[in-house]
Amino acid sequence: MGSFREKFMRTERNFARHPAAIKERLIDAARHGIAALHSNQHELAKMPEDIRQQFLEYMDDLTKIPGAEGSIHATVSQMSEGEAQIMVDRFLALGYEVKQVGHGKS
C-alpha cells in the first residue's frame, strides 16, 4: 500500500479527471483514494498530528450515514451539490497541507 501522500494525490487526480457530477466524483475519489487510509493505523501514524486530526474529522463527516452501498455513498447521496463541493474543497485544502509536509513544512 502506498503512503498517505500518494493516497491524497490519487484522490485529487480522481477529482480532476472523473467526468461525473460533483457528488459522484466525491464518492469515487474517496472510495478509490483515501477510504482505506482511514483504517490504516500505520499510515495515519506517519501524518503530522494536526493533519491526522483534520483528516479523521473529514472522514467522520464523509461517513456519518450508514448504508447498504457503504457509508461514503450514503452520506454523499444525502448531501446537496453545494455540500458536496464544500467537502471537495475541504479535501483539497487538506491535500495542500499534505503537499507542504512533503516539502519540508511540518
PDB file of N, CA and C in Angstrom:
ATOM      1  N   MET A   1       0.848  -1.176   0.000  1.00  0.00           N
ATOM      2  CA  MET A   1       0.000   0.000   0.000  1.00  0.00           C
ATOM      3  C   MET A   1       0.892   1.236   0.000  1.00  0.00           C
ATOM      4  N   GLY A   2       0.489   2.253  -0.708  1.00  0.00           N
ATOM      5  CA  GLY A   2       1.267   3.473  -0.813  1.00  0.00           C
ATOM      6  C   GLY A   2       1.179   4.326   0.433  1.00  0.00           C
ATOM      7  N   SER A   3       1.940   5.376   0.431  1.00  0.00           N
ATOM      8  CA  SER A   3       1.962   6.272   1.584  1.00  0.00           C
ATOM      9  C   SER A   3       0.712   7.144   1.623  1.00  0.00           C
ATOM     10  N   PHE A   4       0.529   7.808   2.750  1.00  0.00           N
ATOM     11  CA  PHE A   4      -0.629   8.689   2.867  1.00  0.00           C
ATOM     12  C   PHE A   4      -0.563   9.803   1.833  1.00  0.00           C
ATOM     13  N   ARG A   5       0.634  10.279   1.491  1.00  0.00           N
ATOM     14  CA  ARG A   5       0.763  11.326   0.468  1.00  0.00           C
ATOM     15  C   ARG A   5       0.254  10.827  -0.885  1.00  0.00           C
ATOM     16  N   GLU A   6       0.600   9.591  -1.233  1.00  0.00           N
ATOM     17  CA  GLU A   6       0.141   9.019  -2.502  1.00  0.00           C
ATOM     18  C   GLU A   6      -1.375   8.895  -2.532  1.00  0.00           C
ATOM     19  N   LYS A   7      -1.984   8.523  -1.420  1.00  0.00           N
ATOM     20  CA  LYS A   7      -3.447   8.409  -1.352  1.00  0.00           C
ATOM     21  C   LYS A   7      -4.103   9.768  -1.579  1.00  0.00           C
ATOM     22  N   PHE A   8      -3.546  10.803  -0.986  1.00  0.00           N
ATOM     23  CA  PHE A   8      -4.096  12.142  -1.183  1.00  0.00           C
ATOM     24  C   PHE A   8      -3.968  12.565  -2.643  1.00  0.00           C
ATOM     25  N   MET A   9      -2.820  12.334  -3.247  1.00  0.00           N
ATOM     26  CA  MET A   9      -2.598  12.749  -4.628  1.00  0.00           C
ATOM     27  C   MET A   9      -3.501  11.965  -5.590  1.00  0.00           C
ATOM     28  N   ARG A  10      -3.685  10.675  -5.326  1.00  0.00           N
ATOM     29  CA  ARG A  10      -4.574   9.863  -6.161  1.00  0.00           C
ATOM     30  C   ARG A  10      -6.004  10.387  -6.070  1.00  0.00           C
ATOM     31  N   THR A  11      -6.426  10.748  -4.873  1.00  0.00           N
ATOM     32  CA  THR A  11      -7.775  11.274  -4.695  1.00  0.00           C
ATOM     33  C   THR A  11      -7.940  12.596  -5.442  1.00  0.00           C
ATOM     34  N   GLU A  12      -6.944  13.473  -5.370  1.00  0.00           N
ATOM     35  CA  GLU A  12      -7.003  14.740  -6.109  1.00  0.00           C
ATOM     36  C   GLU A  12      -7.111  14.498  -7.610  1.00  0.00           C
ATOM     37  N   ARG A  13      -6.357  13.543  -8.118  1.00  0.00           N
ATOM     38  CA  ARG A  13      -6.433  13.242  -9.562  1.00  0.00           C
ATOM     39  C   ARG A  13      -7.823  12.753  -9.939  1.00  0.00           C
ATOM     40  N   ASN A  14      -8.451  11.961  -9.070  1.00  0.00           N
ATOM     41  CA  ASN A  14      -9.808  11.500  -9.347  1.00  0.00           C
ATOM     42  C   ASN A  14     -10.786  12.661  -9.404  1.00  0.00           C
ATOM     43  N   PHE A  15     -10.618  13.643  -8.527  1.00  0.00           N
ATOM     44  CA  PHE A  15     -11.488  14.818  -8.577  1.00  0.00           C
ATOM     45  C   PHE A  15     -11.344  15.522  -9.915  1.00  0.00           C
ATOM     46  N   ALA A  16     -10.141  15.648 -10.374  1.00  0.00           N
ATOM     47  CA  ALA A  16      -9.874  16.407 -11.594  1.00  0.00           C
ATOM     48  C   ALA A  16     -10.281  15.661 -12.864  1.00  0.00           C
ATOM     49  N   ARG A  17     -10.159  14.362 -12.877  1.00  0.00           N
ATOM     50  CA  ARG A  17     -10.336  13.599 -14.114  1.00  0.00           C
ATOM     51  C   ARG A  17     -11.687  12.932 -14.267  1.00  0.00           C
ATOM     52  N   HIS A  18     -12.358  12.656 -13.202  1.00  0.00           N
ATOM     53  CA  HIS A  18     -13.614  11.923 -13.269  1.00  0.00           C
ATOM     54  C   HIS A  18     -14.669  12.788 -13.958  1.00  0.00           C
ATOM     55  N   PRO A  19     -15.365  12.250 -14.958  1.00  0.00           N
ATOM     56  CA  PRO A  19     -16.305  13.057 -15.741  1.00  0.00           C
ATOM     57  C   PRO A  19     -17.684  13.271 -15.098  1.00  0.00           C
ATOM     58  N   ALA A  20     -17.985  12.608 -14.023  1.00  0.00           N
ATOM     59  CA  ALA A  20     -19.326  12.670 -13.435  1.00  0.00           C
ATOM     60  C   ALA A  20     -19.545  13.971 -12.658  1.00  0.00           C
ATOM     61  N   ALA A  21     -20.760  14.139 -12.194  1.00  0.00           N
ATOM     62  CA  ALA A  21     -21.132  15.294 -11.376  1.00  0.00           C
ATOM     63  C   ALA A  21     -20.381  15.250 -10.049  1.00  0.00           C
ATOM     64  N   ILE A  22     -20.399  16.342  -9.326  1.00  0.00           N
ATOM     65  CA  ILE A  22     -19.573  16.514  -8.135  1.00  0.00           C
ATOM     66  C   ILE A  22     -19.805  15.420  -7.092  1.00  0.00           C
ATOM     67  N   LYS A  23     -21.035  15.031  -6.845  1.00  0.00           N
ATOM     68  CA  LYS A  23     -21.292  14.014  -5.830  1.00  0.00           C
ATOM     69  C   LYS A  23     -20.708  12.668  -6.241  1.00  0.00           C
ATOM     70  N   GLU A  24     -20.858  12.312  -7.499  1.00  0.00           N
ATOM     71  CA  GLU A  24     -20.296  11.055  -7.982  1.00  0.00           C
ATOM     72  C   GLU A  24     -18.767  11.091  -7.958  1.00  0.00           C
ATOM     73  N   ARG A  25     -18.191  12.253  -8.278  1.00  0.00           N
ATOM     74  CA  ARG A  25     -16.729  12.388  -8.213  1.00  0.00           C
ATOM     75  C   ARG A  25     -16.234  12.255  -6.784  1.00  0.00           C
ATOM     76  N   LEU A  26     -16.959  12.852  -5.853  1.00  0.00           N
ATOM     77  CA  LEU A  26     -16.577  12.761  -4.450  1.00  0.00           C
ATOM     78  C   LEU A  26     -16.631  11.313  -3.965  1.00  0.00           C
ATOM     79  N   ILE A  27     -17.688  10.618  -4.283  1.00  0.00           N
ATOM     80  CA  ILE A  27     -17.813   9.205  -3.890  1.00  0.00           C
ATOM     81  C   ILE A  27     -16.679   8.385  -4.498  1.00  0.00           C
ATOM     82  N   ASP A  28     -16.470   8.535  -5.790  1.00  0.00           N
ATOM     83  CA  ASP A  28     -15.443   7.750  -6.475  1.00  0.00           C
ATOM     84  C   ASP A  28     -14.052   8.067  -5.937  1.00  0.00           C
ATOM     85  N   ALA A  29     -13.764   9.331  -5.785  1.00  0.00           N
ATOM     86  CA  ALA A  29     -12.435   9.734  -5.319  1.00  0.00           C
ATOM     87  C   ALA A  29     -12.179   9.228  -3.898  1.00  0.00           C
ATOM     88  N   ALA A  30     -13.161   9.352  -3.033  1.00  0.00           N
ATOM     89  CA  ALA A  30     -12.978   8.901  -1.651  1.00  0.00           C
ATOM     90  C   ALA A  30     -12.831   7.389  -1.579  1.00  0.00           C
ATOM     91  N   ARG A  31     -13.664   6.679  -2.299  1.00  0.00           N
ATOM     92  CA  ARG A  31     -13.592   5.213  -2.277  1.00  0.00           C
ATOM     93  C   ARG A  31     -12.268   4.701  -2.832  1.00  0.00           C
ATOM     94  N   HIS A  32     -11.804   5.298  -3.903  1.00  0.00           N
ATOM     95  CA  HIS A  32     -10.612   4.793  -4.579  1.00  0.00           C
ATOM     96  C   HIS A  32      -9.336   5.506  -4.176  1.00  0.00           C
ATOM     97  N   GLY A  33      -9.442   6.478  -3.317  1.00  0.00           N
ATOM     98  CA  GLY A  33      -8.259   7.208  -2.887  1.00  0.00           C
ATOM     99  C   GLY A  33      -7.961   7.063  -1.420  1.00  0.00           C
ATOM    100  N   ILE A  34      -8.813   7.612  -0.574  1.00  0.00           N
ATOM    101  CA  ILE A  34      -8.457   7.746   0.835  1.00  0.00           C
ATOM    102  C   ILE A  34      -9.234   6.855   1.790  1.00  0.00           C
ATOM    103  N   ALA A  35     -10.222   6.132   1.329  1.00  0.00           N
ATOM    104  CA  ALA A  35     -11.046   5.333   2.244  1.00  0.00           C
ATOM    105  C   ALA A  35     -10.221   4.319   3.033  1.00  0.00           C
ATOM    106  N   ALA A  36      -9.322   3.622   2.380  1.00  0.00           N
ATOM    107  CA  ALA A  36      -8.508   2.614   3.071  1.00  0.00           C
ATOM    108  C   ALA A  36      -7.560   3.253   4.079  1.00  0.00           C
ATOM    109  N   LEU A  37      -7.164   4.472   3.821  1.00  0.00           N
ATOM    110  CA  LEU A  37      -6.257   5.174   4.725  1.00  0.00           C
ATOM    111  C   LEU A  37      -6.896   5.392   6.095  1.00  0.00           C
ATOM    112  N   HIS A  38      -8.191   5.565   6.120  1.00  0.00           N
ATOM    113  CA  HIS A  38      -8.930   5.836   7.354  1.00  0.00           C
ATOM    114  C   HIS A  38      -8.705   4.750   8.399  1.00  0.00           C
ATOM    115  N   SER A  39      -8.555   3.515   7.972  1.00  0.00           N
ATOM    116  CA  SER A  39      -8.369   2.406   8.914  1.00  0.00           C
ATOM    117  C   SER A  39      -6.936   1.889   8.953  1.00  0.00           C
ATOM    118  N   ASN A  40      -6.017   2.555   8.282  1.00  0.00           N
ATOM    119  CA  ASN A  40      -4.625   2.119   8.238  1.00  0.00           C
ATOM    120  C   ASN A  40      -3.824   2.859   9.307  1.00  0.00           C
ATOM    121  N   GLN A  41      -3.715   2.258  10.468  1.00  0.00           N
ATOM    122  CA  GLN A  41      -3.045   2.907  11.593  1.00  0.00           C
ATOM    123  C   GLN A  41      -1.581   3.221  11.308  1.00  0.00           C
ATOM    124  N   HIS A  42      -0.926   2.383  10.541  1.00  0.00           N
ATOM    125  CA  HIS A  42       0.479   2.608  10.202  1.00  0.00           C
ATOM    126  C   HIS A  42       0.655   3.909   9.412  1.00  0.00           C
ATOM    127  N   GLU A  43      -0.157   4.116   8.391  1.00  0.00           N
ATOM    128  CA  GLU A  43      -0.061   5.336   7.583  1.00  0.00           C
ATOM    129  C   GLU A  43      -0.576   6.552   8.336  1.00  0.00           C
ATOM    130  N   LEU A  44      -1.627   6.377   9.124  1.00  0.00           N
ATOM    131  CA  LEU A  44      -2.133   7.501   9.922  1.00  0.00           C
ATOM    132  C   LEU A  44      -1.064   7.995  10.890  1.00  0.00           C
ATOM    133  N   ALA A  45      -0.303   7.082  11.442  1.00  0.00           N
ATOM    134  CA  ALA A  45       0.747   7.459  12.388  1.00  0.00           C
ATOM    135  C   ALA A  45       1.847   8.284  11.729  1.00  0.00           C
ATOM    136  N   LYS A  46       2.001   8.167  10.424  1.00  0.00           N
ATOM    137  CA  LYS A  46       3.016   8.936   9.701  1.00  0.00           C
ATOM    138  C   LYS A  46       2.614  10.399   9.514  1.00  0.00           C
ATOM    139  N   MET A  47       1.326  10.671   9.616  1.00  0.00           N
ATOM    140  CA  MET A  47       0.839  12.032   9.404  1.00  0.00           C
ATOM    141  C   MET A  47       1.192  12.920  10.591  1.00  0.00           C
ATOM    142  N   PRO A  48       1.507  14.177  10.331  1.00  0.00           N
ATOM    143  CA  PRO A  48       1.624  15.121  11.440  1.00  0.00           C
ATOM    144  C   PRO A  48       0.287  15.180  12.185  1.00  0.00           C
ATOM    145  N   GLU A  49       0.334  15.384  13.488  1.00  0.00           N
ATOM    146  CA  GLU A  49      -0.866  15.332  14.330  1.00  0.00           C
ATOM    147  C   GLU A  49      -1.996  16.234  13.832  1.00  0.00           C
ATOM    148  N   ASP A  50      -1.689  17.475  13.446  1.00  0.00           N
ATOM    149  CA  ASP A  50      -2.756  18.388  13.024  1.00  0.00           C
ATOM    150  C   ASP A  50      -3.430  17.907  11.743  1.00  0.00           C
ATOM    151  N   ILE A  51      -2.654  17.370  10.820  1.00  0.00           N
ATOM    152  CA  ILE A  51      -3.234  16.856   9.574  1.00  0.00           C
ATOM    153  C   ILE A  51      -4.036  15.593   9.845  1.00  0.00           C
ATOM    154  N   ARG A  52      -3.509  14.720  10.689  1.00  0.00           N
ATOM    155  CA  ARG A  52      -4.236  13.491  11.034  1.00  0.00           C
ATOM    156  C   ARG A  52      -5.585  13.832  11.652  1.00  0.00           C
ATOM    157  N   GLN A  53      -5.621  14.801  12.571  1.00  0.00           N
ATOM    158  CA  GLN A  53      -6.875  15.186  13.219  1.00  0.00           C
ATOM    159  C   GLN A  53      -7.873  15.745  12.195  1.00  0.00           C
ATOM    160  N   GLN A  54      -7.400  16.614  11.316  1.00  0.00           N
ATOM    161  CA  GLN A  54      -8.275  17.163  10.274  1.00  0.00           C
ATOM    162  C   GLN A  54      -8.796  16.050   9.366  1.00  0.00           C
ATOM    163  N   PHE A  55      -7.913  15.115   8.998  1.00  0.00           N
ATOM    164  CA  PHE A  55      -8.306  14.007   8.134  1.00  0.00           C
ATOM    165  C   PHE A  55      -9.367  13.135   8.807  1.00  0.00           C
ATOM    166  N   LEU A  56      -9.161  12.797  10.078  1.00  0.00           N
ATOM    167  CA  LEU A  56     -10.129  11.963  10.782  1.00  0.00           C
ATOM    168  C   LEU A  56     -11.479  12.667  10.923  1.00  0.00           C
ATOM    169  N   GLU A  57     -11.470  13.967  11.172  1.00  0.00           N
ATOM    170  CA  GLU A  57     -12.722  14.734  11.225  1.00  0.00           C
ATOM    171  C   GLU A  57     -13.401  14.739   9.860  1.00  0.00           C
ATOM    172  N   TYR A  58     -12.598  14.914   8.809  1.00  0.00           N
ATOM    173  CA  TYR A  58     -13.140  14.891   7.447  1.00  0.00           C
ATOM    174  C   TYR A  58     -13.805  13.542   7.171  1.00  0.00           C
ATOM    175  N   MET A  59     -13.103  12.456   7.491  1.00  0.00           N
ATOM    176  CA  MET A  59     -13.659  11.129   7.231  1.00  0.00           C
ATOM    177  C   MET A  59     -14.895  10.872   8.083  1.00  0.00           C
ATOM    178  N   ASP A  60     -14.920  11.377   9.312  1.00  0.00           N
ATOM    179  CA  ASP A  60     -16.134  11.243  10.130  1.00  0.00           C
ATOM    180  C   ASP A  60     -17.311  11.928   9.442  1.00  0.00           C
ATOM    181  N   ASP A  61     -17.086  13.115   8.898  1.00  0.00           N
ATOM    182  CA  ASP A  61     -18.143  13.839   8.196  1.00  0.00           C
ATOM    183  C   ASP A  61     -18.555  13.136   6.907  1.00  0.00           C
ATOM    184  N   LEU A  62     -17.607  12.462   6.269  1.00  0.00           N
ATOM    185  CA  LEU A  62     -17.855  11.798   4.991  1.00  0.00           C
ATOM    186  C   LEU A  62     -18.510  10.430   5.162  1.00  0.00           C
ATOM    187  N   THR A  63     -18.495   9.893   6.369  1.00  0.00           N
ATOM    188  CA  THR A  63     -19.001   8.533   6.600  1.00  0.00           C
ATOM    189  C   THR A  63     -20.040   8.469   7.712  1.00  0.00           C
ATOM    190  N   LYS A  64     -20.742   9.558   7.967  1.00  0.00           N
ATOM    191  CA  LYS A  64     -21.631   9.594   9.128  1.00  0.00           C
ATOM    192  C   LYS A  64     -22.955   8.864   8.939  1.00  0.00           C
ATOM    193  N   ILE A  65     -23.321   8.530   7.721  1.00  0.00           N
ATOM    194  CA  ILE A  65     -24.585   7.836   7.477  1.00  0.00           C
ATOM    195  C   ILE A  65     -24.289   6.423   6.973  1.00  0.00           C
ATOM    196  N   PRO A  66     -24.721   5.396   7.705  1.00  0.00           N
ATOM    197  CA  PRO A  66     -24.500   4.030   7.225  1.00  0.00           C
ATOM    198  C   PRO A  66     -25.437   3.723   6.052  1.00  0.00           C
ATOM    199  N   GLY A  67     -25.002   2.831   5.193  1.00  0.00           N
ATOM    200  CA  GLY A  67     -25.837   2.466   4.060  1.00  0.00           C
ATOM    201  C   GLY A  67     -25.392   1.175   3.426  1.00  0.00           C
ATOM    202  N   ALA A  68     -26.294   0.547   2.692  1.00  0.00           N
ATOM    203  CA  ALA A  68     -26.004  -0.733   2.046  1.00  0.00           C
ATOM    204  C   ALA A  68     -24.850  -0.628   1.057  1.00  0.00           C
ATOM    205  N   GLU A  69     -24.728   0.509   0.381  1.00  0.00           N
ATOM    206  CA  GLU A  69     -23.648   0.693  -0.594  1.00  0.00           C
ATOM    207  C   GLU A  69     -22.395   1.274   0.041  1.00  0.00           C
ATOM    208  N   GLY A  70     -22.418   1.436   1.339  1.00  0.00           N
ATOM    209  CA  GLY A  70     -21.286   1.982   2.070  1.00  0.00           C
ATOM    210  C   GLY A  70     -21.616   3.345   2.638  1.00  0.00           C
ATOM    211  N   SER A  71     -20.911   3.703   3.697  1.00  0.00           N
ATOM    212  CA  SER A  71     -21.226   4.953   4.378  1.00  0.00           C
ATOM    213  C   SER A  71     -20.832   6.182   3.570  1.00  0.00           C
ATOM    214  N   ILE A  72     -19.780   6.092   2.756  1.00  0.00           N
ATOM    215  CA  ILE A  72     -19.413   7.233   1.913  1.00  0.00           C
ATOM    216  C   ILE A  72     -20.535   7.512   0.925  1.00  0.00           C
ATOM    217  N   HIS A  73     -20.990   6.471   0.239  1.00  0.00           N
ATOM    218  CA  HIS A  73     -22.067   6.633  -0.745  1.00  0.00           C
ATOM    219  C   HIS A  73     -23.330   7.169  -0.081  1.00  0.00           C
ATOM    220  N   ALA A  74     -23.692   6.585   1.057  1.00  0.00           N
ATOM    221  CA  ALA A  74     -24.921   7.009   1.739  1.00  0.00           C
ATOM    222  C   ALA A  74     -24.828   8.461   2.201  1.00  0.00           C
ATOM    223  N   THR A  75     -23.699   8.837   2.762  1.00  0.00           N
ATOM    224  CA  THR A  75     -23.534  10.203   3.265  1.00  0.00           C
ATOM    225  C   THR A  75     -23.551  11.217   2.135  1.00  0.00           C
ATOM    226  N   VAL A  76     -22.773  10.970   1.099  1.00  0.00           N
ATOM    227  CA  VAL A  76     -22.691  11.921  -0.018  1.00  0.00           C
ATOM    228  C   VAL A  76     -24.022  11.994  -0.758  1.00  0.00           C
ATOM    229  N   SER A  77     -24.723  10.886  -0.870  1.00  0.00           N
ATOM    230  CA  SER A  77     -26.021  10.887  -1.553  1.00  0.00           C
ATOM    231  C   SER A  77     -27.029  11.803  -0.872  1.00  0.00           C
ATOM    232  N   GLN A  78     -26.891  11.981   0.440  1.00  0.00           N
ATOM    233  CA  GLN A  78     -27.802  12.847   1.191  1.00  0.00           C
ATOM    234  C   GLN A  78     -27.406  14.320   1.135  1.00  0.00           C
ATOM    235  N   MET A  79     -26.226  14.602   0.585  1.00  0.00           N
ATOM    236  CA  MET A  79     -25.739  15.987   0.509  1.00  0.00           C
ATOM    237  C   MET A  79     -26.339  16.719  -0.684  1.00  0.00           C
ATOM    238  N   SER A  80     -26.415  18.028  -0.560  1.00  0.00           N
ATOM    239  CA  SER A  80     -26.738  18.856  -1.717  1.00  0.00           C
ATOM    240  C   SER A  80     -25.467  18.974  -2.567  1.00  0.00           C
ATOM    241  N   GLU A  81     -25.601  19.490  -3.769  1.00  0.00           N
ATOM    242  CA  GLU A  81     -24.417  19.716  -4.615  1.00  0.00           C
ATOM    243  C   GLU A  81     -23.450  20.676  -3.914  1.00  0.00           C
ATOM    244  N   GLY A  82     -23.979  21.689  -3.256  1.00  0.00           N
ATOM    245  CA  GLY A  82     -23.153  22.654  -2.552  1.00  0.00           C
ATOM    246  C   GLY A  82     -22.391  22.030  -1.391  1.00  0.00           C
ATOM    247  N   GLU A  83     -23.067  21.163  -0.635  1.00  0.00           N
ATOM    248  CA  GLU A  83     -22.393  20.468   0.466  1.00  0.00           C
ATOM    249  C   GLU A  83     -21.291  19.554  -0.052  1.00  0.00           C
ATOM    250  N   ALA A  84     -21.552  18.879  -1.164  1.00  0.00           N
ATOM    251  CA  ALA A  84     -20.529  18.017  -1.763  1.00  0.00           C
ATOM    252  C   ALA A  84     -19.331  18.855  -2.211  1.00  0.00           C
ATOM    253  N   GLN A  85     -19.596  20.020  -2.783  1.00  0.00           N
ATOM    254  CA  GLN A  85     -18.498  20.890  -3.209  1.00  0.00           C
ATOM    255  C   GLN A  85     -17.676  21.360  -2.005  1.00  0.00           C
ATOM    256  N   ILE A  86     -18.337  21.645  -0.904  1.00  0.00           N
ATOM    257  CA  ILE A  86     -17.624  22.032   0.314  1.00  0.00           C
ATOM    258  C   ILE A  86     -16.715  20.889   0.765  1.00  0.00           C
ATOM    259  N   MET A  87     -17.200  19.661   0.696  1.00  0.00           N
ATOM    260  CA  MET A  87     -16.368  18.513   1.079  1.00  0.00           C
ATOM    261  C   MET A  87     -15.168  18.377   0.151  1.00  0.00           C
ATOM    262  N   VAL A  88     -15.373  18.587  -1.135  1.00  0.00           N
ATOM    263  CA  VAL A  88     -14.250  18.548  -2.080  1.00  0.00           C
ATOM    264  C   VAL A  88     -13.246  19.644  -1.727  1.00  0.00           C
ATOM    265  N   ASP A  89     -13.741  20.842  -1.489  1.00  0.00           N
ATOM    266  CA  ASP A  89     -12.856  21.957  -1.141  1.00  0.00           C
ATOM    267  C   ASP A  89     -12.087  21.680   0.150  1.00  0.00           C
ATOM    268  N   ARG A  90     -12.748  21.093   1.122  1.00  0.00           N
ATOM    269  CA  ARG A  90     -12.061  20.722   2.369  1.00  0.00           C
ATOM    270  C   ARG A  90     -10.947  19.724   2.098  1.00  0.00           C
ATOM    271  N   PHE A  91     -11.252  18.751   1.250  1.00  0.00           N
ATOM    272  CA  PHE A  91     -10.221  17.755   0.938  1.00  0.00           C
ATOM    273  C   PHE A  91      -9.044  18.401   0.219  1.00  0.00           C
ATOM    274  N   LEU A  92      -9.328  19.261  -0.749  1.00  0.00           N
ATOM    275  CA  LEU A  92      -8.246  19.905  -1.488  1.00  0.00           C
ATOM    276  C   LEU A  92      -7.380  20.768  -0.573  1.00  0.00           C
ATOM    277  N   ALA A  93      -7.991  21.431   0.387  1.00  0.00           N
ATOM    278  CA  ALA A  93      -7.217  22.215   1.352  1.00  0.00           C
ATOM    279  C   ALA A  93      -6.346  21.302   2.208  1.00  0.00           C
ATOM    280  N   LEU A  94      -6.885  20.172   2.608  1.00  0.00           N
ATOM    281  CA  LEU A  94      -6.114  19.205   3.373  1.00  0.00           C
ATOM    282  C   LEU A  94      -4.992  18.617   2.518  1.00  0.00           C
ATOM    283  N   GLY A  95      -5.290  18.351   1.256  1.00  0.00           N
ATOM    284  CA  GLY A  95      -4.269  17.862   0.336  1.00  0.00           C
ATOM    285  C   GLY A  95      -3.127  18.848   0.167  1.00  0.00           C
ATOM    286  N   TYR A  96      -3.444  20.132   0.176  1.00  0.00           N
ATOM    287  CA  TYR A  96      -2.413  21.166   0.101  1.00  0.00           C
ATOM    288  C   TYR A  96      -1.483  21.062   1.313  1.00  0.00           C
ATOM    289  N   GLU A  97      -2.065  20.865   2.485  1.00  0.00           N
ATOM    290  CA  GLU A  97      -1.260  20.713   3.702  1.00  0.00           C
ATOM    291  C   GLU A  97      -0.355  19.488   3.611  1.00  0.00           C
ATOM    292  N   VAL A  98      -0.887  18.411   3.063  1.00  0.00           N
ATOM    293  CA  VAL A  98      -0.094  17.185   2.894  1.00  0.00           C
ATOM    294  C   VAL A  98       1.081  17.445   1.961  1.00  0.00           C
ATOM    295  N   LYS A  99       0.848  18.177   0.890  1.00  0.00           N
ATOM    296  CA  LYS A  99       1.932  18.508  -0.040  1.00  0.00           C
ATOM    297  C   LYS A  99       3.016  19.342   0.648  1.00  0.00           C
ATOM    298  N   GLN A 100       2.612  20.240   1.535  1.00  0.00           N
ATOM    299  CA  GLN A 100       3.577  21.063   2.237  1.00  0.00           C
ATOM    300  C   GLN A 100       4.467  20.230   3.159  1.00  0.00           C
ATOM    301  N   VAL A 101       3.917  19.182   3.738  1.00  0.00           N
ATOM    302  CA  VAL A 101       4.699  18.287   4.582  1.00  0.00           C
ATOM    303  C   VAL A 101       5.804  17.653   3.741  1.00  0.00           C
ATOM    304  N   GLY A 102       5.474  17.299   2.512  1.00  0.00           N
ATOM    305  CA  GLY A 102       6.460  16.707   1.615  1.00  0.00           C
ATOM    306  C   GLY A 102       7.523  17.667   1.175  1.00  0.00           C
ATOM    307  N   HIS A 103       7.333  18.969   1.422  1.00  0.00           N
ATOM    308  CA  HIS A 103       8.301  19.999   1.001  1.00  0.00           C
ATOM    309  C   HIS A 103       8.963  20.672   2.193  1.00  0.00           C
ATOM    310  N   GLY A 104       9.021  19.961   3.316  1.00  0.00           N
ATOM    311  CA  GLY A 104       9.765  20.478   4.451  1.00  0.00           C
ATOM    312  C   GLY A 104       8.954  21.150   5.531  1.00  0.00           C
ATOM    313  N   LYS A 105       7.670  21.446   5.293  1.00  0.00           N
ATOM    314  CA  LYS A 105       6.848  22.037   6.348  1.00  0.00           C
ATOM    315  C   LYS A 105       6.395  20.932   7.284  1.00  0.00           C
ATOM    316  N   SER A 106       6.375  21.196   8.558  1.00  0.00           N
ATOM    317  CA  SER A 106       5.876  20.179   9.494  1.00  0.00           C
ATOM    318  C   SER A 106       4.742  20.690  10.329  1.00  0.00           C
TER     319      SER A 106
END
